């Protein structure tokens, strides 16, 4: 999974966030957005939202003082709620 404008840490953080936004469902037998094939497609389709996504991921990293992907699930939820409350174009892009 290669991306020219996101750092490896940003890709990890975006994948963790994507899995929170669209989790897998055993009920419907579908994977979450962090599934390898689905997430690869997400990375390929960033195009027009790339700058806003990079800004949102940078803000996310500042909020947690490091990698969002490394946080415990409960802390991830808290941080995601903070991002949702802030709103704006970066959130819409995500």
PDB file of N, CA and C in Angstrom:
ATOM      1  N   UNK A   1       0.852  -1.156   0.000  1.00  0.00           N
ATOM      2  CA  UNK A   1       0.000   0.000   0.000  1.00  0.00           C
ATOM      3  C   UNK A   1       0.907   1.230   0.000  1.00  0.00           C
ATOM      4  N   UNK A   2       1.097   1.859  -1.136  1.00  0.00           N
ATOM      5  CA  UNK A   2       1.993   2.995  -1.266  1.00  0.00           C
ATOM      6  C   UNK A   2       1.204   4.278  -1.472  1.00  0.00           C
ATOM      7  N   UNK A   3       1.655   5.343  -0.870  1.00  0.00           N
ATOM      8  CA  UNK A   3       1.026   6.643  -1.042  1.00  0.00           C
ATOM      9  C   UNK A   3       2.130   7.679  -1.063  1.00  0.00           C
ATOM     10  N   UNK A   4       2.103   8.546  -2.069  1.00  0.00           N
ATOM     11  CA  UNK A   4       3.189   9.500  -2.260  1.00  0.00           C
ATOM     12  C   UNK A   4       3.165  10.689  -1.311  1.00  0.00           C
ATOM     13  N   UNK A   5       2.007  11.063  -0.786  1.00  0.00           N
ATOM     14  CA  UNK A   5       1.970  12.285  -0.005  1.00  0.00           C
ATOM     15  C   UNK A   5       1.723  12.080   1.484  1.00  0.00           C
ATOM     16  N   UNK A   6       1.365  10.893   1.897  1.00  0.00           N
ATOM     17  CA  UNK A   6       1.168  10.623   3.316  1.00  0.00           C
ATOM     18  C   UNK A   6       2.387   9.882   3.854  1.00  0.00           C
ATOM     19  N   UNK A   7       2.770  10.218   5.070  1.00  0.00           N
ATOM     20  CA  UNK A   7       3.860   9.486   5.705  1.00  0.00           C
ATOM     21  C   UNK A   7       3.340   8.100   6.109  1.00  0.00           C
ATOM     22  N   UNK A   8       4.247   7.215   6.437  1.00  0.00           N
ATOM     23  CA  UNK A   8       3.846   5.878   6.889  1.00  0.00           C
ATOM     24  C   UNK A   8       2.982   5.979   8.146  1.00  0.00           C
ATOM     25  N   UNK A   9       3.327   6.901   9.042  1.00  0.00           N
ATOM     26  CA  UNK A   9       2.543   7.076  10.270  1.00  0.00           C
ATOM     27  C   UNK A   9       1.148   7.606   9.955  1.00  0.00           C
ATOM     28  N   UNK A  10       1.040   8.536   9.003  1.00  0.00           N
ATOM     29  CA  UNK A  10      -0.266   9.062   8.609  1.00  0.00           C
ATOM     30  C   UNK A  10      -1.136   7.960   7.997  1.00  0.00           C
ATOM     31  N   UNK A  11      -0.524   7.093   7.214  1.00  0.00           N
ATOM     32  CA  UNK A  11      -1.272   5.980   6.619  1.00  0.00           C
ATOM     33  C   UNK A  11      -1.789   5.067   7.726  1.00  0.00           C
ATOM     34  N   UNK A  12      -0.956   4.773   8.715  1.00  0.00           N
ATOM     35  CA  UNK A  12      -1.384   3.938   9.854  1.00  0.00           C
ATOM     36  C   UNK A  12      -2.532   4.596  10.604  1.00  0.00           C
ATOM     37  N   UNK A  13      -2.398   5.911  10.851  1.00  0.00           N
ATOM     38  CA  UNK A  13      -3.437   6.638  11.573  1.00  0.00           C
ATOM     39  C   UNK A  13      -4.743   6.670  10.778  1.00  0.00           C
ATOM     40  N   UNK A  14      -4.642   6.931   9.478  1.00  0.00           N
ATOM     41  CA  UNK A  14      -5.841   6.965   8.638  1.00  0.00           C
ATOM     42  C   UNK A  14      -6.512   5.603   8.610  1.00  0.00           C
ATOM     43  N   UNK A  15      -5.722   4.551   8.551  1.00  0.00           N
ATOM     44  CA  UNK A  15      -6.288   3.201   8.550  1.00  0.00           C
ATOM     45  C   UNK A  15      -7.014   2.913   9.868  1.00  0.00           C
ATOM     46  N   UNK A  16      -6.418   3.303  10.984  1.00  0.00           N
ATOM     47  CA  UNK A  16      -7.062   3.100  12.290  1.00  0.00           C
ATOM     48  C   UNK A  16      -8.361   3.893  12.370  1.00  0.00           C
ATOM     49  N   UNK A  17      -8.334   5.122  11.880  1.00  0.00           N
ATOM     50  CA  UNK A  17      -9.528   5.961  11.894  1.00  0.00           C
ATOM     51  C   UNK A  17     -10.604   5.394  10.968  1.00  0.00           C
ATOM     52  N   UNK A  18     -10.201   4.933   9.798  1.00  0.00           N
ATOM     53  CA  UNK A  18     -11.157   4.342   8.850  1.00  0.00           C
ATOM     54  C   UNK A  18     -11.856   3.132   9.460  1.00  0.00           C
ATOM     55  N   UNK A  19     -11.097   2.325  10.198  1.00  0.00           N
ATOM     56  CA  UNK A  19     -11.679   1.158  10.857  1.00  0.00           C
ATOM     57  C   UNK A  19     -12.671   1.529  11.943  1.00  0.00           C
ATOM     58  N   UNK A  20     -12.484   2.706  12.538  1.00  0.00           N
ATOM     59  CA  UNK A  20     -13.442   3.187  13.540  1.00  0.00           C
ATOM     60  C   UNK A  20     -14.700   3.734  12.875  1.00  0.00           C
ATOM     61  N   UNK A  21     -14.512   4.444  11.760  1.00  0.00           N
ATOM     62  CA  UNK A  21     -15.646   5.047  11.058  1.00  0.00           C
ATOM     63  C   UNK A  21     -16.540   3.972  10.451  1.00  0.00           C
ATOM     64  N   UNK A  22     -15.913   2.985   9.816  1.00  0.00           N
ATOM     65  CA  UNK A  22     -16.662   1.867   9.220  1.00  0.00           C
ATOM     66  C   UNK A  22     -16.051   0.565   9.715  1.00  0.00           C
ATOM     67  N   UNK A  23     -16.549   0.079  10.856  1.00  0.00           N
ATOM     68  CA  UNK A  23     -16.005  -1.171  11.424  1.00  0.00           C
ATOM     69  C   UNK A  23     -16.542  -2.393  10.672  1.00  0.00           C
ATOM     70  N   UNK A  24     -15.878  -3.533  10.838  1.00  0.00           N
ATOM     71  CA  UNK A  24     -16.397  -4.758  10.226  1.00  0.00           C
ATOM     72  C   UNK A  24     -17.721  -5.153  10.877  1.00  0.00           C
ATOM     73  N   UNK A  25     -18.521  -5.887  10.147  1.00  0.00           N
ATOM     74  CA  UNK A  25     -19.799  -6.351  10.683  1.00  0.00           C
ATOM     75  C   UNK A  25     -19.929  -7.852  10.497  1.00  0.00           C
ATOM     76  N   UNK A  26     -19.927  -8.571  11.612  1.00  0.00           N
ATOM     77  CA  UNK A  26     -20.152 -10.014  11.557  1.00  0.00           C
ATOM     78  C   UNK A  26     -21.593 -10.294  11.142  1.00  0.00           C
ATOM     79  N   UNK A  27     -22.493  -9.422  11.558  1.00  0.00           N
ATOM     80  CA  UNK A  27     -23.909  -9.590  11.216  1.00  0.00           C
ATOM     81  C   UNK A  27     -24.122  -9.618   9.709  1.00  0.00           C
ATOM     82  N   UNK A  28     -23.467  -8.699   9.010  1.00  0.00           N
ATOM     83  CA  UNK A  28     -23.635  -8.603   7.561  1.00  0.00           C
ATOM     84  C   UNK A  28     -22.505  -9.273   6.784  1.00  0.00           C
ATOM     85  N   UNK A  29     -21.520  -9.784   7.507  1.00  0.00           N
ATOM     86  CA  UNK A  29     -20.410 -10.488   6.865  1.00  0.00           C
ATOM     87  C   UNK A  29     -19.562  -9.592   5.979  1.00  0.00           C
ATOM     88  N   UNK A  30     -19.333  -8.354   6.418  1.00  0.00           N
ATOM     89  CA  UNK A  30     -18.529  -7.427   5.623  1.00  0.00           C
ATOM     90  C   UNK A  30     -17.341  -6.929   6.439  1.00  0.00           C
ATOM     91  N   UNK A  31     -16.234  -6.657   5.759  1.00  0.00           N
ATOM     92  CA  UNK A  31     -15.056  -6.132   6.448  1.00  0.00           C
ATOM     93  C   UNK A  31     -15.217  -4.642   6.736  1.00  0.00           C
ATOM     94  N   UNK A  32     -14.350  -4.144   7.587  1.00  0.00           N
ATOM     95  CA  UNK A  32     -14.337  -2.714   7.883  1.00  0.00           C
ATOM     96  C   UNK A  32     -13.505  -1.966   6.852  1.00  0.00           C
ATOM     97  N   UNK A  33     -13.514  -0.659   6.952  1.00  0.00           N
ATOM     98  CA  UNK A  33     -12.763   0.175   6.017  1.00  0.00           C
ATOM     99  C   UNK A  33     -11.251   0.013   6.184  1.00  0.00           C
ATOM    100  N   UNK A  34     -10.815  -0.609   7.266  1.00  0.00           N
ATOM    101  CA  UNK A  34      -9.387  -0.848   7.455  1.00  0.00           C
ATOM    102  C   UNK A  34      -8.919  -2.161   6.830  1.00  0.00           C
ATOM    103  N   UNK A  35      -9.840  -2.889   6.202  1.00  0.00           N
ATOM    104  CA  UNK A  35      -9.495  -4.105   5.466  1.00  0.00           C
ATOM    105  C   UNK A  35      -8.472  -3.751   4.379  1.00  0.00           C
ATOM    106  N   UNK A  36      -7.514  -4.604   4.145  1.00  0.00           N
ATOM    107  CA  UNK A  36      -6.423  -4.341   3.196  1.00  0.00           C
ATOM    108  C   UNK A  36      -6.927  -3.858   1.831  1.00  0.00           C
ATOM    109  N   UNK A  37      -7.852  -4.577   1.217  1.00  0.00           N
ATOM    110  CA  UNK A  37      -8.327  -4.197  -0.126  1.00  0.00           C
ATOM    111  C   UNK A  37      -9.121  -2.899  -0.092  1.00  0.00           C
ATOM    112  N   UNK A  38      -9.978  -2.749   0.889  1.00  0.00           N
ATOM    113  CA  UNK A  38     -10.789  -1.533   0.979  1.00  0.00           C
ATOM    114  C   UNK A  38      -9.906  -0.326   1.265  1.00  0.00           C
ATOM    115  N   UNK A  39      -8.984  -0.476   2.205  1.00  0.00           N
ATOM    116  CA  UNK A  39      -8.136   0.649   2.556  1.00  0.00           C
ATOM    117  C   UNK A  39      -7.205   1.026   1.401  1.00  0.00           C
ATOM    118  N   UNK A  40      -6.728   0.060   0.654  1.00  0.00           N
ATOM    119  CA  UNK A  40      -5.910   0.367  -0.525  1.00  0.00           C
ATOM    120  C   UNK A  40      -6.696   1.220  -1.506  1.00  0.00           C
ATOM    121  N   UNK A  41      -7.974   0.908  -1.672  1.00  0.00           N
ATOM    122  CA  UNK A  41      -8.827   1.701  -2.559  1.00  0.00           C
ATOM    123  C   UNK A  41      -9.015   3.121  -2.004  1.00  0.00           C
ATOM    124  N   UNK A  42      -9.161   3.237  -0.698  1.00  0.00           N
ATOM    125  CA  UNK A  42      -9.281   4.563  -0.072  1.00  0.00           C
ATOM    126  C   UNK A  42      -8.038   5.392  -0.381  1.00  0.00           C
ATOM    127  N   UNK A  43      -6.863   4.800  -0.216  1.00  0.00           N
ATOM    128  CA  UNK A  43      -5.624   5.535  -0.484  1.00  0.00           C
ATOM    129  C   UNK A  43      -5.531   5.967  -1.947  1.00  0.00           C
ATOM    130  N   UNK A  44      -5.967   5.110  -2.855  1.00  0.00           N
ATOM    131  CA  UNK A  44      -5.925   5.458  -4.281  1.00  0.00           C
ATOM    132  C   UNK A  44      -6.894   6.579  -4.630  1.00  0.00           C
ATOM    133  N   UNK A  45      -7.918   6.787  -3.823  1.00  0.00           N
ATOM    134  CA  UNK A  45      -8.953   7.762  -4.174  1.00  0.00           C
ATOM    135  C   UNK A  45      -8.867   9.071  -3.381  1.00  0.00           C
ATOM    136  N   UNK A  46      -7.754   9.350  -2.749  1.00  0.00           N
ATOM    137  CA  UNK A  46      -7.621  10.562  -1.938  1.00  0.00           C
ATOM    138  C   UNK A  46      -7.662  11.853  -2.756  1.00  0.00           C
ATOM    139  N   UNK A  47      -7.075  11.841  -3.928  1.00  0.00           N
ATOM    140  CA  UNK A  47      -6.926  12.959  -4.851  1.00  0.00           C
ATOM    141  C   UNK A  47      -7.350  14.333  -4.356  1.00  0.00           C
ATOM    142  N   UNK A  48      -8.558  14.762  -4.614  1.00  0.00           N
ATOM    143  CA  UNK A  48      -8.962  16.149  -4.344  1.00  0.00           C
ATOM    144  C   UNK A  48      -9.013  16.473  -2.851  1.00  0.00           C
ATOM    145  N   UNK A  49      -9.123  15.478  -2.013  1.00  0.00           N
ATOM    146  CA  UNK A  49      -9.207  15.704  -0.564  1.00  0.00           C
ATOM    147  C   UNK A  49      -7.871  15.535   0.146  1.00  0.00           C
ATOM    148  N   UNK A  50      -6.834  15.248  -0.609  1.00  0.00           N
ATOM    149  CA  UNK A  50      -5.529  14.921  -0.025  1.00  0.00           C
ATOM    150  C   UNK A  50      -5.034  15.987   0.954  1.00  0.00           C
ATOM    151  N   UNK A  51      -5.101  17.259   0.585  1.00  0.00           N
ATOM    152  CA  UNK A  51      -4.599  18.324   1.469  1.00  0.00           C
ATOM    153  C   UNK A  51      -5.398  18.390   2.766  1.00  0.00           C
ATOM    154  N   UNK A  52      -6.728  18.318   2.654  1.00  0.00           N
ATOM    155  CA  UNK A  52      -7.559  18.350   3.864  1.00  0.00           C
ATOM    156  C   UNK A  52      -7.303  17.128   4.735  1.00  0.00           C
ATOM    157  N   UNK A  53      -7.122  15.982   4.120  1.00  0.00           N
ATOM    158  CA  UNK A  53      -6.847  14.758   4.875  1.00  0.00           C
ATOM    159  C   UNK A  53      -5.498  14.879   5.585  1.00  0.00           C
ATOM    160  N   UNK A  54      -4.499  15.405   4.895  1.00  0.00           N
ATOM    161  CA  UNK A  54      -3.185  15.600   5.526  1.00  0.00           C
ATOM    162  C   UNK A  54      -3.286  16.564   6.701  1.00  0.00           C
ATOM    163  N   UNK A  55      -4.067  17.638   6.541  1.00  0.00           N
ATOM    164  CA  UNK A  55      -4.262  18.580   7.651  1.00  0.00           C
ATOM    165  C   UNK A  55      -4.967  17.904   8.828  1.00  0.00           C
ATOM    166  N   UNK A  56      -5.991  17.113   8.523  1.00  0.00           N
ATOM    167  CA  UNK A  56      -6.726  16.415   9.589  1.00  0.00           C
ATOM    168  C   UNK A  56      -5.821  15.426  10.308  1.00  0.00           C
ATOM    169  N   UNK A  57      -4.995  14.710   9.563  1.00  0.00           N
ATOM    170  CA  UNK A  57      -4.096  13.742  10.184  1.00  0.00           C
ATOM    171  C   UNK A  57      -3.005  14.436  11.002  1.00  0.00           C
ATOM    172  N   UNK A  58      -2.537  15.589  10.530  1.00  0.00           N
ATOM    173  CA  UNK A  58      -1.547  16.351  11.296  1.00  0.00           C
ATOM    174  C   UNK A  58      -2.178  16.854  12.597  1.00  0.00           C
ATOM    175  N   UNK A  59      -3.402  17.321  12.519  1.00  0.00           N
ATOM    176  CA  UNK A  59      -4.120  17.774  13.717  1.00  0.00           C
ATOM    177  C   UNK A  59      -4.303  16.609  14.689  1.00  0.00           C
ATOM    178  N   UNK A  60      -4.654  15.468  14.161  1.00  0.00           N
ATOM    179  CA  UNK A  60      -4.835  14.260  14.966  1.00  0.00           C
ATOM    180  C   UNK A  60      -3.532  13.917  15.686  1.00  0.00           C
ATOM    181  N   UNK A  61      -2.412  13.970  14.980  1.00  0.00           N
ATOM    182  CA  UNK A  61      -1.111  13.661  15.583  1.00  0.00           C
ATOM    183  C   UNK A  61      -0.762  14.661  16.684  1.00  0.00           C
ATOM    184  N   UNK A  62      -1.101  15.938  16.449  1.00  0.00           N
ATOM    185  CA  UNK A  62      -0.840  16.953  17.487  1.00  0.00           C
ATOM    186  C   UNK A  62      -1.690  16.690  18.724  1.00  0.00           C
ATOM    187  N   UNK A  63      -2.938  16.329  18.510  1.00  0.00           N
ATOM    188  CA  UNK A  63      -3.837  16.072  19.645  1.00  0.00           C
ATOM    189  C   UNK A  63      -3.327  14.948  20.539  1.00  0.00           C
ATOM    190  N   UNK A  64      -2.804  13.904  19.914  1.00  0.00           N
ATOM    191  CA  UNK A  64      -2.379  12.744  20.701  1.00  0.00           C
ATOM    192  C   UNK A  64      -0.890  12.765  21.036  1.00  0.00           C
ATOM    193  N   UNK A  65      -0.160  13.695  20.438  1.00  0.00           N
ATOM    194  CA  UNK A  65       1.270  13.771  20.701  1.00  0.00           C
ATOM    195  C   UNK A  65       2.029  12.597  20.131  1.00  0.00           C
ATOM    196  N   UNK A  66       1.539  12.046  19.043  1.00  0.00           N
ATOM    197  CA  UNK A  66       2.182  10.900  18.404  1.00  0.00           C
ATOM    198  C   UNK A  66       1.231  10.217  17.444  1.00  0.00           C
ATOM    199  N   UNK A  67       1.306   8.912  17.419  1.00  0.00           N
ATOM    200  CA  UNK A  67       0.519   8.126  16.472  1.00  0.00           C
ATOM    201  C   UNK A  67      -0.855   7.752  17.043  1.00  0.00           C
ATOM    202  N   UNK A  68      -1.892   8.164  16.367  1.00  0.00           N
ATOM    203  CA  UNK A  68      -3.265   7.796  16.723  1.00  0.00           C
ATOM    204  C   UNK A  68      -3.416   6.273  16.736  1.00  0.00           C
ATOM    205  N   UNK A  69      -2.796   5.603  15.770  1.00  0.00           N
ATOM    206  CA  UNK A  69      -2.905   4.153  15.640  1.00  0.00           C
ATOM    207  C   UNK A  69      -2.363   3.412  16.858  1.00  0.00           C
ATOM    208  N   UNK A  70      -1.474   4.051  17.609  1.00  0.00           N
ATOM    209  CA  UNK A  70      -0.876   3.410  18.782  1.00  0.00           C
ATOM    210  C   UNK A  70      -1.712   3.549  20.055  1.00  0.00           C
ATOM    211  N   UNK A  71      -2.782   4.339  19.991  1.00  0.00           N
ATOM    212  CA  UNK A  71      -3.620   4.544  21.178  1.00  0.00           C
ATOM    213  C   UNK A  71      -4.494   3.339  21.472  1.00  0.00           C
ATOM    214  N   UNK A  72      -4.861   3.198  22.709  1.00  0.00           N
ATOM    215  CA  UNK A  72      -5.836   2.190  23.114  1.00  0.00           C
ATOM    216  C   UNK A  72      -7.193   2.579  22.519  1.00  0.00           C
ATOM    217  N   UNK A  73      -8.070   1.609  22.243  1.00  0.00           N
ATOM    218  CA  UNK A  73      -9.366   1.911  21.623  1.00  0.00           C
ATOM    219  C   UNK A  73     -10.195   2.987  22.335  1.00  0.00           C
ATOM    220  N   UNK A  74     -10.227   2.973  23.646  1.00  0.00           N
ATOM    221  CA  UNK A  74     -11.017   3.979  24.370  1.00  0.00           C
ATOM    222  C   UNK A  74     -10.470   5.381  24.136  1.00  0.00           C
ATOM    223  N   UNK A  75      -9.160   5.522  24.135  1.00  0.00           N
ATOM    224  CA  UNK A  75      -8.537   6.830  23.895  1.00  0.00           C
ATOM    225  C   UNK A  75      -8.759   7.266  22.449  1.00  0.00           C
ATOM    226  N   UNK A  76      -8.700   6.324  21.507  1.00  0.00           N
ATOM    227  CA  UNK A  76      -8.994   6.646  20.111  1.00  0.00           C
ATOM    228  C   UNK A  76     -10.389   7.246  19.990  1.00  0.00           C
ATOM    229  N   UNK A  77     -11.348   6.653  20.680  1.00  0.00           N
ATOM    230  CA  UNK A  77     -12.730   7.154  20.623  1.00  0.00           C
ATOM    231  C   UNK A  77     -12.821   8.573  21.164  1.00  0.00           C
ATOM    232  N   UNK A  78     -12.121   8.846  22.258  1.00  0.00           N
ATOM    233  CA  UNK A  78     -12.120  10.200  22.835  1.00  0.00           C
ATOM    234  C   UNK A  78     -11.553  11.216  21.847  1.00  0.00           C
ATOM    235  N   UNK A  79     -10.444  10.874  21.234  1.00  0.00           N
ATOM    236  CA  UNK A  79      -9.795  11.778  20.291  1.00  0.00           C
ATOM    237  C   UNK A  79     -10.670  11.974  19.055  1.00  0.00           C
ATOM    238  N   UNK A  80     -11.278  10.910  18.571  1.00  0.00           N
ATOM    239  CA  UNK A  80     -12.164  11.009  17.405  1.00  0.00           C
ATOM    240  C   UNK A  80     -13.345  11.932  17.711  1.00  0.00           C
ATOM    241  N   UNK A  81     -13.853  11.866  18.921  1.00  0.00           N
ATOM    242  CA  UNK A  81     -14.960  12.747  19.319  1.00  0.00           C
ATOM    243  C   UNK A  81     -14.514  14.201  19.300  1.00  0.00           C
ATOM    244  N   UNK A  82     -13.288  14.473  19.723  1.00  0.00           N
ATOM    245  CA  UNK A  82     -12.746  15.832  19.700  1.00  0.00           C
ATOM    246  C   UNK A  82     -12.655  16.346  18.270  1.00  0.00           C
ATOM    247  N   UNK A  83     -12.210  15.489  17.365  1.00  0.00           N
ATOM    248  CA  UNK A  83     -12.104  15.857  15.944  1.00  0.00           C
ATOM    249  C   UNK A  83     -13.499  16.143  15.378  1.00  0.00           C
ATOM    250  N   UNK A  84     -14.455  15.299  15.708  1.00  0.00           N
ATOM    251  CA  UNK A  84     -15.844  15.490  15.214  1.00  0.00           C
ATOM    252  C   UNK A  84     -16.401  16.825  15.672  1.00  0.00           C
ATOM    253  N   UNK A  85     -16.144  17.171  16.925  1.00  0.00           N
ATOM    254  CA  UNK A  85     -16.655  18.430  17.481  1.00  0.00           C
ATOM    255  C   UNK A  85     -16.049  19.639  16.774  1.00  0.00           C
ATOM    256  N   UNK A  86     -14.787  19.536  16.365  1.00  0.00           N
ATOM    257  CA  UNK A  86     -14.112  20.651  15.700  1.00  0.00           C
ATOM    258  C   UNK A  86     -14.689  20.896  14.302  1.00  0.00           C
ATOM    259  N   UNK A  87     -15.088  19.818  13.612  1.00  0.00           N
ATOM    260  CA  UNK A  87     -15.678  19.948  12.281  1.00  0.00           C
ATOM    261  C   UNK A  87     -14.711  20.528  11.263  1.00  0.00           C
ATOM    262  N   UNK A  88     -15.264  21.148  10.230  1.00  0.00           N
ATOM    263  CA  UNK A  88     -14.456  21.782   9.190  1.00  0.00           C
ATOM    264  C   UNK A  88     -14.150  20.868   8.017  1.00  0.00           C
ATOM    265  N   UNK A  89     -13.477  21.438   7.032  1.00  0.00           N
ATOM    266  CA  UNK A  89     -13.171  20.727   5.785  1.00  0.00           C
ATOM    267  C   UNK A  89     -12.358  19.454   6.001  1.00  0.00           C
ATOM    268  N   UNK A  90     -11.337  19.479   6.881  1.00  0.00           N
ATOM    269  CA  UNK A  90     -10.578  18.241   7.086  1.00  0.00           C
ATOM    270  C   UNK A  90     -11.462  17.089   7.588  1.00  0.00           C
ATOM    271  N   UNK A  91     -12.381  17.397   8.469  1.00  0.00           N
ATOM    272  CA  UNK A  91     -13.281  16.354   8.977  1.00  0.00           C
ATOM    273  C   UNK A  91     -14.169  15.837   7.859  1.00  0.00           C
ATOM    274  N   UNK A  92     -14.686  16.739   7.053  1.00  0.00           N
ATOM    275  CA  UNK A  92     -15.537  16.339   5.926  1.00  0.00           C
ATOM    276  C   UNK A  92     -14.757  15.433   4.979  1.00  0.00           C
ATOM    277  N   UNK A  93     -13.487  15.753   4.743  1.00  0.00           N
ATOM    278  CA  UNK A  93     -12.661  14.940   3.864  1.00  0.00           C
ATOM    279  C   UNK A  93     -12.479  13.533   4.408  1.00  0.00           C
ATOM    280  N   UNK A  94     -12.347  13.431   5.728  1.00  0.00           N
ATOM    281  CA  UNK A  94     -12.196  12.114   6.333  1.00  0.00           C
ATOM    282  C   UNK A  94     -13.500  11.350   6.242  1.00  0.00           C
TER     283      UNK A  94
END
